[in-house]
C-alpha atoms as a PDB file:
ATOM      1  CA  MET A   1     -29.163   3.197 -20.044  1.00  0.00           C
ATOM      2  CA  LYS A   2     -28.290   1.252 -16.882  1.00  0.00           C
ATOM      3  CA  GLN A   3     -24.529   1.050 -16.356  1.00  0.00           C
ATOM      4  CA  ALA A   4     -22.945  -2.398 -15.864  1.00  0.00           C
ATOM      5  CA  LEU A   5     -20.012  -3.367 -13.641  1.00  0.00           C
ATOM      6  CA  ALA A   6     -17.073  -5.731 -14.104  1.00  0.00           C
ATOM      7  CA  VAL A   7     -14.690  -6.875 -11.374  1.00  0.00           C
ATOM      8  CA  VAL A   8     -11.055  -7.617 -12.227  1.00  0.00           C
ATOM      9  CA  VAL A   9      -8.955  -9.693  -9.818  1.00  0.00           C
ATOM     10  CA  SER A  10      -5.277 -10.476 -10.350  1.00  0.00           C
ATOM     11  CA  ALA A  11      -3.988 -13.346  -8.213  1.00  0.00           C
ATOM     12  CA  TYR A  12      -0.941 -15.493  -7.560  1.00  0.00           C
ATOM     13  CA  ASN A  13      -1.155 -18.534  -5.254  1.00  0.00           C
ATOM     14  CA  GLU A  14      -4.283 -17.262  -3.519  1.00  0.00           C
ATOM     15  CA  GLU A  15      -6.313 -20.474  -3.204  1.00  0.00           C
ATOM     16  CA  LYS A  16      -7.054 -19.700   0.462  1.00  0.00           C
ATOM     17  CA  THR A  17      -8.382 -16.173  -0.101  1.00  0.00           C
ATOM     18  CA  ILE A  18      -9.778 -15.804  -3.597  1.00  0.00           C
ATOM     19  CA  ALA A  19     -13.127 -17.507  -2.854  1.00  0.00           C
ATOM     20  CA  ARG A  20     -13.874 -14.943  -0.130  1.00  0.00           C
ATOM     21  CA  CYS A  21     -13.020 -12.140  -2.534  1.00  0.00           C
ATOM     22  CA  LEU A  22     -15.065 -13.430  -5.480  1.00  0.00           C
ATOM     23  CA  ALA A  23     -18.054 -14.336  -3.310  1.00  0.00           C
ATOM     24  CA  SER A  24     -18.184 -10.716  -2.116  1.00  0.00           C
ATOM     25  CA  VAL A  25     -18.548  -9.431  -5.711  1.00  0.00           C
ATOM     26  CA  SER A  26     -21.288 -11.796  -6.875  1.00  0.00           C
ATOM     27  CA  PHE A  27     -23.370  -8.667  -7.586  1.00  0.00           C
ATOM     28  CA  ALA A  28     -21.092  -7.774 -10.538  1.00  0.00           C
ATOM     29  CA  ASP A  29     -22.253  -8.249 -14.131  1.00  0.00           C
ATOM     30  CA  GLU A  30     -18.868  -9.665 -15.122  1.00  0.00           C
ATOM     31  CA  ILE A  31     -15.876 -11.137 -13.262  1.00  0.00           C
ATOM     32  CA  VAL A  32     -12.425 -11.323 -14.863  1.00  0.00           C
ATOM     33  CA  VAL A  33      -9.621 -13.208 -13.109  1.00  0.00           C
ATOM     34  CA  VAL A  34      -5.989 -12.969 -14.183  1.00  0.00           C
ATOM     35  CA  ASP A  35      -4.112 -15.957 -12.779  1.00  0.00           C
ATOM     36  CA  ASN A  36      -0.431 -15.046 -12.593  1.00  0.00           C
ATOM     37  CA  ALA A  37       0.748 -18.612 -13.265  1.00  0.00           C
ATOM     38  CA  SER A  38      -0.254 -19.786  -9.785  1.00  0.00           C
ATOM     39  CA  GLN A  39       1.264 -23.028  -8.544  1.00  0.00           C
ATOM     40  CA  ASP A  40      -1.680 -23.876  -6.290  1.00  0.00           C
ATOM     41  CA  LYS A  41      -5.450 -24.230  -6.907  1.00  0.00           C
ATOM     42  CA  THR A  42      -6.175 -20.540  -7.422  1.00  0.00           C
ATOM     43  CA  GLY A  43      -7.462 -21.133 -10.953  1.00  0.00           C
ATOM     44  CA  GLU A  44      -9.659 -24.066  -9.901  1.00  0.00           C
ATOM     45  CA  VAL A  45     -11.278 -22.047  -7.145  1.00  0.00           C
ATOM     46  CA  ALA A  46     -11.850 -19.102  -9.476  1.00  0.00           C
ATOM     47  CA  LYS A  47     -13.698 -21.348 -11.968  1.00  0.00           C
ATOM     48  CA  LYS A  48     -16.509 -21.679  -9.422  1.00  0.00           C
ATOM     49  CA  PHE A  49     -17.248 -17.978  -9.875  1.00  0.00           C
ATOM     50  CA  THR A  50     -16.393 -17.128 -13.495  1.00  0.00           C
ATOM     51  CA  LYS A  51     -15.386 -18.551 -16.865  1.00  0.00           C
ATOM     52  CA  LYS A  52     -13.291 -15.521 -17.775  1.00  0.00           C
ATOM     53  CA  ILE A  53      -9.936 -16.668 -16.410  1.00  0.00           C
ATOM     54  CA  PHE A  54      -6.673 -15.747 -18.129  1.00  0.00           C
ATOM     55  CA  VAL A  55      -3.276 -17.176 -17.232  1.00  0.00           C
ATOM     56  CA  ARG A  56      -0.317 -14.831 -17.515  1.00  0.00           C
ATOM     57  CA  PRO A  57       3.378 -15.042 -16.522  1.00  0.00           C
ATOM     58  CA  ASN A  58       4.038 -13.932 -12.950  1.00  0.00           C
ATOM     59  CA  GLN A  59       5.830 -10.638 -13.607  1.00  0.00           C
ATOM     60  CA  LEU A  60       7.619  -8.514 -11.031  1.00  0.00           C
ATOM     61  CA  MET A  61       5.450  -5.585 -12.186  1.00  0.00           C
ATOM     62  CA  LEU A  62       2.106  -7.210 -11.368  1.00  0.00           C
ATOM     63  CA  ASN A  63       0.210  -4.093 -12.432  1.00  0.00           C
ATOM     64  CA  ALA A  64       0.897  -5.042 -16.051  1.00  0.00           C
ATOM     65  CA  ASN A  65      -1.277  -8.132 -15.576  1.00  0.00           C
ATOM     66  CA  LYS A  66      -3.980  -6.011 -13.961  1.00  0.00           C
ATOM     67  CA  ASN A  67      -3.988  -3.755 -17.027  1.00  0.00           C
ATOM     68  CA  PHE A  68      -4.316  -6.889 -19.154  1.00  0.00           C
ATOM     69  CA  GLY A  69      -7.401  -7.833 -17.164  1.00  0.00           C
ATOM     70  CA  PHE A  70      -8.890  -4.373 -17.718  1.00  0.00           C
ATOM     71  CA  GLU A  71      -8.561  -4.908 -21.467  1.00  0.00           C
ATOM     72  CA  LYS A  72     -10.718  -8.062 -21.250  1.00  0.00           C
ATOM     73  CA  VAL A  73     -13.654  -6.234 -19.679  1.00  0.00           C
ATOM     74  CA  THR A  74     -16.816  -5.605 -21.732  1.00  0.00           C
ATOM     75  CA  LYS A  75     -18.857  -3.643 -19.160  1.00  0.00           C
ATOM     76  CA  ASP A  76     -19.037   0.097 -18.454  1.00  0.00           C
ATOM     77  CA  TRP A  77     -17.281   0.217 -15.083  1.00  0.00           C
ATOM     78  CA  ILE A  78     -14.362  -1.690 -13.557  1.00  0.00           C
ATOM     79  CA  LEU A  79     -13.817  -2.518  -9.899  1.00  0.00           C
ATOM     80  CA  ASN A  80     -10.224  -3.642  -9.400  1.00  0.00           C
ATOM     81  CA  LEU A  81      -9.442  -5.913  -6.447  1.00  0.00           C
ATOM     82  CA  ASP A  82      -6.680  -8.127  -5.115  1.00  0.00           C
ATOM     83  CA  ALA A  83      -7.499 -11.662  -4.016  1.00  0.00           C
ATOM     84  CA  ASP A  84      -7.009 -10.811  -0.331  1.00  0.00           C
ATOM     85  CA  GLU A  85      -9.623  -8.029  -0.462  1.00  0.00           C
ATOM     86  CA  GLU A  86     -13.363  -8.096   0.112  1.00  0.00           C
ATOM     87  CA  ILE A  87     -16.342  -5.833  -0.618  1.00  0.00           C
ATOM     88  CA  PRO A  88     -18.760  -5.577   2.340  1.00  0.00           C
ATOM     89  CA  SER A  89     -22.490  -5.100   1.723  1.00  0.00           C
ATOM     90  CA  PRO A  90     -22.640  -1.339   2.553  1.00  0.00           C
ATOM     91  CA  LEU A  91     -20.033  -0.664  -0.133  1.00  0.00           C
ATOM     92  CA  VAL A  92     -21.859  -2.941  -2.599  1.00  0.00           C
ATOM     93  CA  LYS A  93     -24.946  -0.761  -2.217  1.00  0.00           C
ATOM     94  CA  GLU A  94     -22.948   2.462  -2.600  1.00  0.00           C
ATOM     95  CA  ILE A  95     -21.120   1.252  -5.719  1.00  0.00           C
ATOM     96  CA  LEU A  96     -24.313   0.182  -7.469  1.00  0.00           C
ATOM     97  CA  THR A  97     -26.102   3.399  -6.537  1.00  0.00           C
ATOM     98  CA  CYS A  98     -23.137   5.378  -7.806  1.00  0.00           C
ATOM     99  CA  ILE A  99     -22.667   3.777 -11.233  1.00  0.00           C
ATOM    100  CA  HIS A 100     -26.401   3.514 -11.940  1.00  0.00           C
ATOM    101  CA  SER A 101     -26.674   7.276 -11.477  1.00  0.00           C
ATOM    102  CA  ASN A 102     -24.141   7.700 -14.325  1.00  0.00           C
ATOM    103  CA  PRO A 103     -21.969  10.167 -12.372  1.00  0.00           C
ATOM    104  CA  ILE A 104     -19.841  12.874 -13.966  1.00  0.00           C
ATOM    105  CA  GLU A 105     -16.692  11.362 -12.426  1.00  0.00           C
ATOM    106  CA  ASN A 106     -14.624   8.770 -14.277  1.00  0.00           C
ATOM    107  CA  GLY A 107     -13.256   7.162 -11.140  1.00  0.00           C
ATOM    108  CA  PHE A 108     -13.563   6.990  -7.352  1.00  0.00           C
ATOM    109  CA  TRP A 109     -11.282   6.775  -4.336  1.00  0.00           C
ATOM    110  CA  ILE A 110     -12.316   4.141  -1.798  1.00  0.00           C
ATOM    111  CA  GLN A 111     -11.006   3.845   1.751  1.00  0.00           C
ATOM    112  CA  ARG A 112      -9.305   0.536   2.552  1.00  0.00           C
ATOM    113  CA  LYS A 113      -9.459  -1.109   5.985  1.00  0.00           C
ATOM    114  CA  ASN A 114      -6.226  -3.061   6.419  1.00  0.00           C
ATOM    115  CA  PHE A 115      -6.184  -6.027   8.784  1.00  0.00           C
ATOM    116  CA  SER A 116      -2.674  -7.098   9.813  1.00  0.00           C
ATOM    117  CA  PHE A 117      -1.952  -9.987  12.157  1.00  0.00           C
ATOM    118  CA  GLY A 118      -5.620 -10.215  13.088  1.00  0.00           C
ATOM    119  CA  LYS A 119      -6.275  -6.531  13.830  1.00  0.00           C
ATOM    120  CA  TRP A 120      -7.711  -3.550  11.951  1.00  0.00           C
ATOM    121  CA  ILE A 121      -4.811  -1.077  11.815  1.00  0.00           C
ATOM    122  CA  GLN A 122      -6.232   2.427  12.160  1.00  0.00           C
ATOM    123  CA  HIS A 123      -3.113   4.593  11.956  1.00  0.00           C
ATOM    124  CA  GLY A 124       0.186   4.906  10.089  1.00  0.00           C
ATOM    125  CA  LEU A 125       0.127   4.060   6.411  1.00  0.00           C
ATOM    126  CA  TRP A 126      -2.842   1.786   6.853  1.00  0.00           C
ATOM    127  CA  TRP A 127      -5.848   4.040   7.373  1.00  0.00           C
ATOM    128  CA  PRO A 128      -7.671   5.485   5.561  1.00  0.00           C
ATOM    129  CA  ASP A 129      -5.304   4.218   2.823  1.00  0.00           C
ATOM    130  CA  LYS A 130      -7.448   5.532  -0.047  1.00  0.00           C
ATOM    131  CA  GLN A 131      -7.149   3.709  -3.366  1.00  0.00           C
ATOM    132  CA  ILE A 132      -8.658   4.355  -6.786  1.00  0.00           C
ATOM    133  CA  ARG A 133     -10.417   1.069  -7.455  1.00  0.00           C
ATOM    134  CA  LEU A 134     -13.639   1.990  -9.266  1.00  0.00           C
ATOM    135  CA  PHE A 135     -13.398   3.624 -12.706  1.00  0.00           C
ATOM    136  CA  ARG A 136     -14.921   3.717 -16.162  1.00  0.00           C
ATOM    137  CA  ARG A 137     -13.597   1.204 -18.663  1.00  0.00           C
ATOM    138  CA  ASP A 138     -11.014   2.751 -21.003  1.00  0.00           C
ATOM    139  CA  LYS A 139     -10.594   5.707 -18.608  1.00  0.00           C
ATOM    140  CA  GLY A 140      -8.120   4.193 -16.175  1.00  0.00           C
ATOM    141  CA  LYS A 141      -5.051   1.983 -15.964  1.00  0.00           C
ATOM    142  CA  PHE A 142      -1.829   1.526 -14.004  1.00  0.00           C
ATOM    143  CA  PRO A 143       1.206   3.491 -15.256  1.00  0.00           C
ATOM    144  CA  CYS A 144       3.387   0.405 -14.480  1.00  0.00           C
ATOM    145  CA  VAL A 145       6.217   2.468 -13.051  1.00  0.00           C
ATOM    146  CA  HIS A 146       6.085   1.454  -9.390  1.00  0.00           C
ATOM    147  CA  ILE A 147       4.606  -1.547  -7.575  1.00  0.00           C
ATOM    148  CA  HIS A 148       2.678   0.682  -5.129  1.00  0.00           C
ATOM    149  CA  GLU A 149       1.326   3.131  -7.704  1.00  0.00           C
ATOM    150  CA  TYR A 150      -2.296   4.271  -8.060  1.00  0.00           C
ATOM    151  CA  ILE A 151      -4.526   3.729 -11.073  1.00  0.00           C
ATOM    152  CA  ARG A 152      -4.320   6.789 -13.307  1.00  0.00           C
ATOM    153  CA  VAL A 153      -7.775   8.002 -14.379  1.00  0.00           C
ATOM    154  CA  GLU A 154      -8.589  10.406 -17.196  1.00  0.00           C
ATOM    155  CA  GLY A 155     -10.935  13.124 -15.939  1.00  0.00           C
ATOM    156  CA  SER A 156     -12.334  13.847 -12.506  1.00  0.00           C
ATOM    157  CA  VAL A 157     -12.142  11.434  -9.571  1.00  0.00           C
ATOM    158  CA  GLY A 158     -14.602  11.429  -6.665  1.00  0.00           C
ATOM    159  CA  ASP A 159     -14.815   9.714  -3.269  1.00  0.00           C
ATOM    160  CA  LEU A 160     -16.999   6.928  -1.916  1.00  0.00           C
ATOM    161  CA  ALA A 161     -17.872   6.868   1.780  1.00  0.00           C
ATOM    162  CA  GLU A 162     -17.881   3.139   2.557  1.00  0.00           C
ATOM    163  CA  PRO A 163     -14.561   1.237   2.882  1.00  0.00           C
ATOM    164  CA  TYR A 164     -13.531  -2.156   1.567  1.00  0.00           C
ATOM    165  CA  LEU A 165     -11.541  -4.760   3.500  1.00  0.00           C
ATOM    166  CA  HIS A 166      -7.959  -5.864   2.970  1.00  0.00           C
ATOM    167  CA  TYR A 167      -6.597  -8.875   4.868  1.00  0.00           C
ATOM    168  CA  ASN A 168      -3.082  -7.609   4.476  1.00  0.00           C
ATOM    169  CA  TYR A 169      -0.743  -9.783   6.539  1.00  0.00           C
ATOM    170  CA  GLU A 170      -1.921 -12.894   8.326  1.00  0.00           C
ATOM    171  CA  SER A 171       1.537 -14.230   9.250  1.00  0.00           C
ATOM    172  CA  ILE A 172       5.117 -13.011   9.559  1.00  0.00           C
ATOM    173  CA  ARG A 173       6.179 -15.360   6.774  1.00  0.00           C
ATOM    174  CA  GLN A 174       3.596 -13.819   4.453  1.00  0.00           C
ATOM    175  CA  TYR A 175       4.869 -10.331   5.264  1.00  0.00           C
ATOM    176  CA  LEU A 176       8.474 -11.272   4.537  1.00  0.00           C
ATOM    177  CA  MET A 177       7.514 -12.869   1.227  1.00  0.00           C
ATOM    178  CA  LYS A 178       5.578  -9.781   0.141  1.00  0.00           C
ATOM    179  CA  ILE A 179       8.264  -7.258   1.019  1.00  0.00           C
ATOM    180  CA  ASP A 180      10.896  -9.247  -0.859  1.00  0.00           C
ATOM    181  CA  ARG A 181       9.044  -8.643  -4.110  1.00  0.00           C
ATOM    182  CA  ALA A 182       8.028  -5.062  -3.288  1.00  0.00           C
ATOM    183  CA  SER A 183      11.490  -3.955  -2.167  1.00  0.00           C
ATOM    184  CA  THR A 184      13.025  -5.322  -5.368  1.00  0.00           C
ATOM    185  CA  SER A 185      10.544  -3.335  -7.444  1.00  0.00           C
ATOM    186  CA  GLU A 186      11.222  -0.152  -5.480  1.00  0.00           C
ATOM    187  CA  ALA A 187      14.989  -0.581  -5.750  1.00  0.00           C
ATOM    188  CA  LEU A 188      14.599  -0.930  -9.511  1.00  0.00           C
ATOM    189  CA  SER A 189      12.575   2.300  -9.543  1.00  0.00           C
ATOM    190  CA  LEU A 190      15.432   4.092  -7.756  1.00  0.00           C
ATOM    191  CA  GLN A 191      17.825   2.727 -10.339  1.00  0.00           C
ATOM    192  CA  GLU A 192      15.630   3.899 -13.225  1.00  0.00           C
ATOM    193  CA  MET A 193      15.420   7.371 -11.651  1.00  0.00           C
ATOM    194  CA  ARG A 194      19.241   7.341 -11.417  1.00  0.00           C
ATOM    195  CA  TYR A 195      19.003   8.033  -7.714  1.00  0.00           C
ATOM    196  CA  GLN A 196      22.448   8.761  -6.256  1.00  0.00           C
ATOM    197  CA  LEU A 197      22.668   6.267  -3.413  1.00  0.00           C
ATOM    198  CA  THR A 198      24.905   7.175  -0.455  1.00  0.00           C
ATOM    199  CA  TRP A 199      25.823   5.340   2.726  1.00  0.00           C
ATOM    200  CA  HIS A 200      23.666   7.849   4.635  1.00  0.00           C
ATOM    201  CA  ASP A 201      20.592   6.216   3.056  1.00  0.00           C
ATOM    202  CA  ALA A 202      21.306   2.975   4.915  1.00  0.00           C
ATOM    203  CA  ILE A 203      20.403   4.877   8.087  1.00  0.00           C
ATOM    204  CA  ARG A 204      18.026   7.535   6.771  1.00  0.00           C
ATOM    205  CA  PHE A 205      15.662   5.284   4.808  1.00  0.00           C
ATOM    206  CA  PRO A 206      14.632   3.034   7.732  1.00  0.00           C
ATOM    207  CA  PHE A 207      14.978   5.664  10.457  1.00  0.00           C
ATOM    208  CA  SER A 208      12.790   8.225   8.682  1.00  0.00           C
ATOM    209  CA  ASP A 209      10.108   5.669   7.830  1.00  0.00           C
ATOM    210  CA  PHE A 210       9.887   4.467  11.419  1.00  0.00           C
ATOM    211  CA  LEU A 211       9.590   8.008  12.812  1.00  0.00           C
ATOM    212  CA  LYS A 212       7.026   8.999  10.198  1.00  0.00           C
ATOM    213  CA  ILE A 213       4.773   5.981  10.730  1.00  0.00           C
ATOM    214  CA  TYR A 214       5.109   5.447  14.468  1.00  0.00           C
ATOM    215  CA  PHE A 215       5.138   9.054  15.658  1.00  0.00           C
ATOM    216  CA  ALA A 216       4.018  11.484  12.898  1.00  0.00           C
ATOM    217  CA  GLN A 217       1.219   9.190  11.678  1.00  0.00           C
ATOM    218  CA  ARG A 218       0.405   7.975  15.206  1.00  0.00           C
ATOM    219  CA  GLY A 219       1.151   4.306  14.673  1.00  0.00           C
ATOM    220  CA  TYR A 220       1.707   4.087  18.444  1.00  0.00           C
ATOM    221  CA  LYS A 221      -2.079   4.192  18.876  1.00  0.00           C
ATOM    222  CA  ASP A 222      -2.276   0.669  17.432  1.00  0.00           C
ATOM    223  CA  GLY A 223      -0.298  -0.746  20.353  1.00  0.00           C
ATOM    224  CA  LEU A 224       2.152  -3.586  19.775  1.00  0.00           C
ATOM    225  CA  HIS A 225       0.730  -4.099  16.286  1.00  0.00           C
ATOM    226  CA  GLY A 226       1.612  -0.504  15.461  1.00  0.00           C
ATOM    227  CA  LEU A 227       5.142  -0.833  16.830  1.00  0.00           C
ATOM    228  CA  VAL A 228       5.833  -4.084  14.968  1.00  0.00           C
ATOM    229  CA  LEU A 229       4.444  -2.737  11.695  1.00  0.00           C
ATOM    230  CA  ALA A 230       6.464   0.491  11.977  1.00  0.00           C
ATOM    231  CA  LEU A 231       9.631  -1.537  12.611  1.00  0.00           C
ATOM    232  CA  PHE A 232       8.789  -3.821   9.704  1.00  0.00           C
ATOM    233  CA  GLN A 233       8.339  -0.771   7.467  1.00  0.00           C
ATOM    234  CA  ALA A 234      11.771   0.437   8.573  1.00  0.00           C
ATOM    235  CA  PHE A 235      13.178  -2.993   7.695  1.00  0.00           C
ATOM    236  CA  TYR A 236      11.448  -2.813   4.314  1.00  0.00           C
ATOM    237  CA  SER A 237      13.087   0.554   3.635  1.00  0.00           C
ATOM    238  CA  PHE A 238      16.469  -0.859   4.588  1.00  0.00           C
ATOM    239  CA  CYS A 239      15.887  -3.747   2.162  1.00  0.00           C
ATOM    240  CA  VAL A 240      15.199  -1.194  -0.584  1.00  0.00           C
ATOM    241  CA  PHE A 241      18.550   0.447   0.173  1.00  0.00           C
ATOM    242  CA  ALA A 242      20.402  -2.891   0.312  1.00  0.00           C
ATOM    243  CA  LYS A 243      18.925  -4.100  -2.986  1.00  0.00           C
ATOM    244  CA  ALA A 244      19.689  -0.783  -4.677  1.00  0.00           C
ATOM    245  CA  TRP A 245      23.269  -1.134  -3.400  1.00  0.00           C
ATOM    246  CA  GLU A 246      23.373  -4.679  -4.776  1.00  0.00           C
ATOM    247  CA  MET A 247      22.199  -3.417  -8.179  1.00  0.00           C
ATOM    248  CA  GLN A 248      25.154  -1.023  -8.126  1.00  0.00           C
ATOM    249  CA  GLY A 249      27.488  -3.984  -7.702  1.00  0.00           C
ATOM    250  CA  PHE A 250      28.011  -3.697  -3.922  1.00  0.00           C
ATOM    251  CA  THR A 251      30.163  -0.613  -4.459  1.00  0.00           C
ATOM    252  CA  GLU A 252      32.829  -0.406  -1.776  1.00  0.00           C
ATOM    253  CA  ARG A 253      32.934   2.834   0.187  1.00  0.00           C
ATOM    254  CA  ASP A 254      34.870   3.911   3.254  1.00  0.00           C
ATOM    255  CA  VAL A 255      32.668   5.107   6.104  1.00  0.00           C
ATOM    256  CA  ALA A 256      34.358   6.667   9.110  1.00  0.00           C
ATOM    257  CA  PRO A 257      32.908   5.855  12.548  1.00  0.00           C
ATOM    258  CA  GLU A 258      32.850   9.584  13.265  1.00  0.00           C
ATOM    259  CA  ALA A 259      30.606  10.133  10.253  1.00  0.00           C
ATOM    260  CA  ILE A 260      28.231   7.401  11.448  1.00  0.00           C
ATOM    261  CA  ALA A 261      28.130   8.986  14.904  1.00  0.00           C
ATOM    262  CA  LYS A 262      27.309  12.375  13.394  1.00  0.00           C
ATOM    263  CA  GLU A 263      24.560  10.888  11.245  1.00  0.00           C
ATOM    264  CA  LEU A 264      22.990   9.094  14.217  1.00  0.00           C
ATOM    265  CA  GLN A 265      23.189  12.289  16.243  1.00  0.00           C
ATOM    266  CA  GLY A 266      21.206  14.081  13.542  1.00  0.00           C
ATOM    267  CA  ARG A 267      18.624  11.327  13.470  1.00  0.00           C
ATOM    268  CA  GLY A 268      18.427  11.554  17.264  1.00  0.00           C
ATOM    269  CA  ARG A 269      17.370  15.189  17.003  1.00  0.00           C
ATOM    270  CA  GLU A 270      14.755  14.185  14.450  1.00  0.00           C
ATOM    271  CA  ALA A 271      13.485  11.466  16.797  1.00  0.00           C
ATOM    272  CA  GLN A 272      13.300  13.901  19.704  1.00  0.00           C
ATOM    273  CA  TYR A 273      11.264  16.311  17.593  1.00  0.00           C
ATOM    274  CA  TRP A 274       8.661  13.655  16.768  1.00  0.00           C
ATOM    275  CA  ILE A 275       8.562  12.244  20.302  1.00  0.00           C
ATOM    276  CA  LEU A 276       7.803  15.720  21.611  1.00  0.00           C
ATOM    277  CA  SER A 277       5.184  16.171  18.876  1.00  0.00           C
ATOM    278  CA  MET A 278       3.523  12.966  20.056  1.00  0.00           C
ATOM    279  CA  MET A 279       3.556  14.164  23.666  1.00  0.00           C
ATOM    280  CA  ILE A 280       2.032  17.497  22.627  1.00  0.00           C
ATOM    281  CA  GLY A 281      -0.726  15.742  20.738  1.00  0.00           C
ATOM    282  CA  GLU A 282      -1.519  13.401  23.621  1.00  0.00           C
ATOM    283  CA  SER A 283      -1.301  15.921  26.447  1.00  0.00           C
ATOM    284  CA  LYS A 284      -4.531  17.412  27.809  1.00  0.00           C
ATOM    285  CA  ASN A 285      -2.748  19.912  30.009  1.00  0.00           C
ATOM    286  CA  TYR A 286      -2.372  23.385  28.471  1.00  0.00           C
ATOM    287  CA  PHE A 287       0.856  24.266  30.325  1.00  0.00           C
ATOM    288  CA  SER A 288       2.380  20.885  29.522  1.00  0.00           C
ATOM    289  CA  LYS A 289       1.674  21.474  25.836  1.00  0.00           C
ATOM    290  CA  ILE A 290       3.383  24.876  25.959  1.00  0.00           C
ATOM    291  CA  LYS A 291       6.429  23.390  27.685  1.00  0.00           C
ATOM    292  CA  ARG A 292       6.733  20.597  25.120  1.00  0.00           C
ATOM    293  CA  LYS A 293       6.360  23.051  22.233  1.00  0.00           C
ATOM    294  CA  ILE A 294       9.239  25.126  23.602  1.00  0.00           C
ATOM    295  CA  GLU A 295      11.359  21.985  23.988  1.00  0.00           C
ATOM    296  CA  ARG A 296      10.506  20.946  20.440  1.00  0.00           C
ATOM    297  CA  LYS A 297      11.505  24.379  19.140  1.00  0.00           C
ATOM    298  CA  LEU A 298      14.842  24.086  20.896  1.00  0.00           C
ATOM    299  CA  THR A 299      15.666  20.747  19.234  1.00  0.00           C
ATOM    300  CA  GLN A 300      16.649  22.575  16.032  1.00  0.00           C
ATOM    301  CA  TYR A 301      19.425  24.342  17.951  1.00  0.00           C
ATOM    302  CA  LEU A 302      20.921  21.207  19.478  1.00  0.00           C
ATOM    303  CA  PRO A 303      24.475  20.360  18.339  1.00  0.00           C
END
């Protein structure tokens, strides 16, 4: 029997983007839209593409509304999308070929091409940024533990070759609005895990994220976009710390300047390690590589 596909889109105030998203999935046998109590014309725009529109309260844990949408599906397979995402024609062909072959897998990872501030970001957190978005109905759902979690699928999960598109951040204002919600959710997760917050985290959270994204994950290769996004990710991590601190009642703690200096010194060694790693990776000179590797080894012995 030929397998059928449903697309589920959860959206909040996405009147400017949802038409592009829904138009790209016109090949689907069923389209389900969960409108998270939008205050704009998101619902009106969606009506041009489907009659299956459900209005739900706009919860902090948006994945709960996505799970609700999955429950309204009647087809064999589900493709889960956000309103600012789009399925290009090569991926359309691959998805249909895949599900019509009735594969042994119950779900598939798909690479996501993130466009931020007008550019495809090819390094850092943003590529290949694999997500589980295609899965059999009743075989997958969000755990609803963390805002950035993956869909959990029962059984084996495969990979598709073609990517889909994500128009991630189109303005600074949009970025700041998104991280406000996401950082609150992550701070709540820390609280639920009973994470023991210390003043060190105010420095370590943002510092480590910047080094990881900009140097270890080669965000520097994306130019100014890469630098700005790495700094924004550091700011996001600091917001997570600050909100977790707020949830603890802004606990007062004495922090000696000497302790801050020592902490920054330690982070400086970490930064030097990753800077040297970057230089090793970029260097085409054999002897230069050897020199940098020796210098990197010595960083662990610095005071």
